[in-house]
Amino acid sequence: MRWLMPLGERTRPDVPSYADCPAPDKSRALALVDDFGHLFTVPAGMAAGIRRGTDRLGHTG
């Protein structure tokens, strides 16, 4: 079984800890993993890449 998680979107600037979870087809980014436990390590890597403006391989886009 594979697990899919969309990137949450911070849509409420007045509540910085709140993030909407868009549908996968509306999301800016997705994580697809084979092990559910891996979903908890993916957001940190995605956030770091977004801050750098690159993906995990260093590609800009």
Protein backbone atom coordinates (compact mmCIF):
# COMPACT_ATOMS: atom_id res chain seq x y z
CA MET A 1 0.00 0.00 0.00
CA ARG A 2 1.20 3.52 -0.76
CA TRP A 3 0.39 6.68 1.16
CA LEU A 4 -0.18 10.11 -0.37
CA MET A 5 -0.02 13.41 1.51
CA PRO A 6 -0.58 16.87 0.03
CA LEU A 7 1.40 19.88 1.23
CA GLY A 8 -0.68 21.96 3.65
CA GLU A 9 -1.34 25.59 2.77
CA ARG A 10 -1.22 28.35 5.38
CA THR A 11 -4.33 30.28 4.48
CA ARG A 12 -4.84 32.14 7.75
CA PRO A 13 -2.06 34.66 8.50
CA ASP A 14 -3.75 35.45 11.82
CA VAL A 15 -3.26 31.80 12.93
CA PRO A 16 0.28 30.77 11.89
CA SER A 17 -0.10 27.20 13.17
CA TYR A 18 -3.20 26.55 11.00
CA ALA A 19 -2.91 24.98 7.54
CA ASP A 20 -5.59 23.83 5.12
CA CYS A 21 -5.08 20.41 3.60
CA PRO A 22 -6.03 20.73 -0.08
CA ALA A 23 -7.17 17.81 -2.20
CA PRO A 24 -4.24 16.06 -3.93
CA ASP A 25 -5.24 17.42 -7.34
CA LYS A 26 -5.26 21.01 -5.96
CA SER A 27 -2.01 20.81 -3.97
CA ARG A 28 1.29 22.52 -4.90
CA ALA A 29 3.24 19.42 -3.80
CA LEU A 30 2.60 15.80 -2.85
CA ALA A 31 4.49 13.11 -0.98
CA LEU A 32 4.04 9.49 -2.06
CA VAL A 33 5.59 6.89 0.25
CA ASP A 34 5.41 3.13 0.76
CA ASP A 35 5.55 3.31 4.58
CA PHE A 36 3.12 5.49 6.55
CA GLY A 37 5.90 6.36 9.02
CA HIS A 38 7.86 8.06 6.24
CA LEU A 39 5.17 10.73 5.92
CA PHE A 40 6.37 12.26 9.16
CA THR A 41 9.90 12.82 7.85
CA VAL A 42 8.79 14.20 4.48
CA PRO A 43 7.34 17.58 5.63
CA ALA A 44 10.63 18.71 7.15
CA GLY A 45 12.47 17.99 3.90
CA MET A 46 9.77 19.62 1.79
CA ALA A 47 9.76 22.73 3.98
CA ALA A 48 13.55 23.00 3.80
CA GLY A 49 13.43 22.72 0.00
CA ILE A 50 10.71 25.34 -0.27
CA ARG A 51 12.74 27.73 1.90
CA ARG A 52 15.78 27.15 -0.34
CA GLY A 53 13.70 27.32 -3.52
CA THR A 54 14.83 23.85 -4.58
CA ASP A 55 13.64 20.27 -4.44
CA ARG A 56 15.56 17.54 -2.59
CA LEU A 57 17.84 17.07 -5.58
CA GLY A 58 18.72 20.75 -5.74
CA HIS A 59 16.61 21.52 -8.82
CA THR A 60 15.09 24.97 -8.92
CA GLY A 61 11.63 25.37 -10.28
